[in-house]
Amino acid sequence: MTSFSSKFYIVFMLLCLVLLLIISNCDVEARFCGEPSMTYSGKCDIHNSRYCNKHCVNMEFAAYGVCFDNGGLDCFCYIEC
């Protein structure tokens, strides 16, 4: 009976170790969806998106904002999907 319980214990511990390794290697990445800003007005410069970013974060509570050439320069705000 002792050998069965020791084998069971070893197998159980190995399974726990494998499960722990699988869980620890899972990386959770945030996904962001972009949509045109509804409230931004003004010049949007594709090389300097500082004002667009500041507006999106402060006014539309987005994670960040960038100027995007969409047939014209538009300010896009990115929120978590």
C-alpha atoms as a PDB file:
ATOM      1  CA  MET A   1       0.000   0.000   0.000  1.00  0.00           C
ATOM      2  CA  THR A   2       2.873   2.328   0.652  1.00  0.00           C
ATOM      3  CA  SER A   3       4.205   2.027  -2.879  1.00  0.00           C
ATOM      4  CA  PHE A   4       0.795   2.901  -4.381  1.00  0.00           C
ATOM      5  CA  SER A   5       0.422   6.017  -2.229  1.00  0.00           C
ATOM      6  CA  SER A   6       3.985   7.164  -2.966  1.00  0.00           C
ATOM      7  CA  LYS A   7       3.459   6.693  -6.729  1.00  0.00           C
ATOM      8  CA  PHE A   8       0.156   8.530  -6.538  1.00  0.00           C
ATOM      9  CA  TYR A   9       1.822  11.374  -4.631  1.00  0.00           C
ATOM     10  CA  ILE A  10       4.623  11.659  -7.205  1.00  0.00           C
ATOM     11  CA  VAL A  11       2.187  11.686 -10.142  1.00  0.00           C
ATOM     12  CA  PHE A  12      -0.002  14.245  -8.365  1.00  0.00           C
ATOM     13  CA  MET A  13       2.965  16.521  -7.681  1.00  0.00           C
ATOM     14  CA  LEU A  14       4.157  16.260 -11.304  1.00  0.00           C
ATOM     15  CA  LEU A  15       0.689  17.183 -12.580  1.00  0.00           C
ATOM     16  CA  CYS A  16       0.594  20.160 -10.232  1.00  0.00           C
ATOM     17  CA  LEU A  17       4.011  21.267 -11.468  1.00  0.00           C
ATOM     18  CA  VAL A  18       2.956  20.987 -15.114  1.00  0.00           C
ATOM     19  CA  LEU A  19      -0.235  22.932 -14.421  1.00  0.00           C
ATOM     20  CA  LEU A  20       1.722  25.621 -12.605  1.00  0.00           C
ATOM     21  CA  LEU A  21       4.162  25.950 -15.510  1.00  0.00           C
ATOM     22  CA  ILE A  22       1.347  26.246 -18.046  1.00  0.00           C
ATOM     23  CA  ILE A  23      -0.447  28.920 -16.045  1.00  0.00           C
ATOM     24  CA  SER A  24       2.710  30.926 -15.375  1.00  0.00           C
ATOM     25  CA  ASN A  25       3.615  31.084 -19.078  1.00  0.00           C
ATOM     26  CA  CYS A  26       0.268  32.536 -20.167  1.00  0.00           C
ATOM     27  CA  ASP A  27       0.689  36.198 -21.047  1.00  0.00           C
ATOM     28  CA  VAL A  28      -2.389  38.355 -21.079  1.00  0.00           C
ATOM     29  CA  GLU A  29      -2.186  41.130 -23.633  1.00  0.00           C
ATOM     30  CA  ALA A  30      -4.550  44.043 -23.771  1.00  0.00           C
ATOM     31  CA  ARG A  31      -6.175  44.563 -27.139  1.00  0.00           C
ATOM     32  CA  PHE A  32      -6.980  48.056 -28.288  1.00  0.00           C
ATOM     33  CA  CYS A  33      -9.588  49.165 -30.804  1.00  0.00           C
ATOM     34  CA  GLY A  34      -9.239  52.496 -32.563  1.00  0.00           C
ATOM     35  CA  GLU A  35     -12.076  54.791 -33.482  1.00  0.00           C
ATOM     36  CA  PRO A  36     -12.080  58.377 -34.732  1.00  0.00           C
ATOM     37  CA  SER A  37     -12.320  60.986 -32.013  1.00  0.00           C
ATOM     38  CA  MET A  38     -15.776  62.531 -31.832  1.00  0.00           C
ATOM     39  CA  THR A  39     -14.641  65.684 -30.034  1.00  0.00           C
ATOM     40  CA  TYR A  40     -11.148  66.510 -31.375  1.00  0.00           C
ATOM     41  CA  SER A  41     -10.895  69.581 -33.563  1.00  0.00           C
ATOM     42  CA  GLY A  42      -7.790  71.172 -34.908  1.00  0.00           C
ATOM     43  CA  LYS A  43      -4.726  70.223 -36.887  1.00  0.00           C
ATOM     44  CA  CYS A  44      -3.603  66.646 -36.500  1.00  0.00           C
ATOM     45  CA  ASP A  45       0.051  66.072 -37.409  1.00  0.00           C
ATOM     46  CA  ILE A  46       1.027  62.478 -38.191  1.00  0.00           C
ATOM     47  CA  HIS A  47       4.584  63.121 -36.955  1.00  0.00           C
ATOM     48  CA  ASN A  48       3.505  64.716 -33.680  1.00  0.00           C
ATOM     49  CA  SER A  49       0.398  63.149 -32.136  1.00  0.00           C
ATOM     50  CA  ARG A  50       0.976  64.725 -28.726  1.00  0.00           C
ATOM     51  CA  TYR A  51      -2.178  66.889 -28.745  1.00  0.00           C
ATOM     52  CA  CYS A  52      -4.341  64.094 -30.108  1.00  0.00           C
ATOM     53  CA  ASN A  53      -3.024  61.728 -27.423  1.00  0.00           C
ATOM     54  CA  LYS A  54      -3.596  64.268 -24.644  1.00  0.00           C
ATOM     55  CA  HIS A  55      -7.129  64.941 -25.869  1.00  0.00           C
ATOM     56  CA  CYS A  56      -8.060  61.255 -26.133  1.00  0.00           C
ATOM     57  CA  VAL A  57      -6.725  60.428 -22.676  1.00  0.00           C
ATOM     58  CA  ASN A  58      -8.248  63.432 -20.904  1.00  0.00           C
ATOM     59  CA  MET A  59     -11.510  63.975 -22.770  1.00  0.00           C
ATOM     60  CA  GLU A  60     -12.533  60.571 -24.090  1.00  0.00           C
ATOM     61  CA  PHE A  61     -10.900  58.413 -21.384  1.00  0.00           C
ATOM     62  CA  ALA A  62      -8.997  56.352 -23.954  1.00  0.00           C
ATOM     63  CA  ALA A  63      -5.699  54.573 -23.377  1.00  0.00           C
ATOM     64  CA  TYR A  64      -3.970  56.727 -26.008  1.00  0.00           C
ATOM     65  CA  GLY A  65      -4.565  58.619 -29.219  1.00  0.00           C
ATOM     66  CA  VAL A  66      -2.665  59.029 -32.494  1.00  0.00           C
ATOM     67  CA  CYS A  67      -3.059  60.942 -35.711  1.00  0.00           C
ATOM     68  CA  PHE A  68      -3.859  58.618 -38.579  1.00  0.00           C
ATOM     69  CA  ASP A  69      -3.944  59.334 -42.303  1.00  0.00           C
ATOM     70  CA  ASN A  70      -7.411  58.197 -43.287  1.00  0.00           C
ATOM     71  CA  GLY A  71      -7.743  60.157 -46.511  1.00  0.00           C
ATOM     72  CA  GLY A  72      -7.163  63.181 -44.264  1.00  0.00           C
ATOM     73  CA  LEU A  73      -5.447  63.396 -40.925  1.00  0.00           C
ATOM     74  CA  ASP A  74      -7.829  62.256 -38.216  1.00  0.00           C
ATOM     75  CA  CYS A  75      -7.297  61.811 -34.495  1.00  0.00           C
ATOM     76  CA  PHE A  76      -7.986  58.206 -33.500  1.00  0.00           C
ATOM     77  CA  CYS A  77      -8.570  57.257 -29.876  1.00  0.00           C
ATOM     78  CA  TYR A  78      -7.725  53.711 -28.787  1.00  0.00           C
ATOM     79  CA  ILE A  79      -9.686  52.002 -26.031  1.00  0.00           C
ATOM     80  CA  GLU A  80      -9.491  48.471 -24.673  1.00  0.00           C
ATOM     81  CA  CYS A  81     -11.734  46.137 -26.655  1.00  0.00           C
END
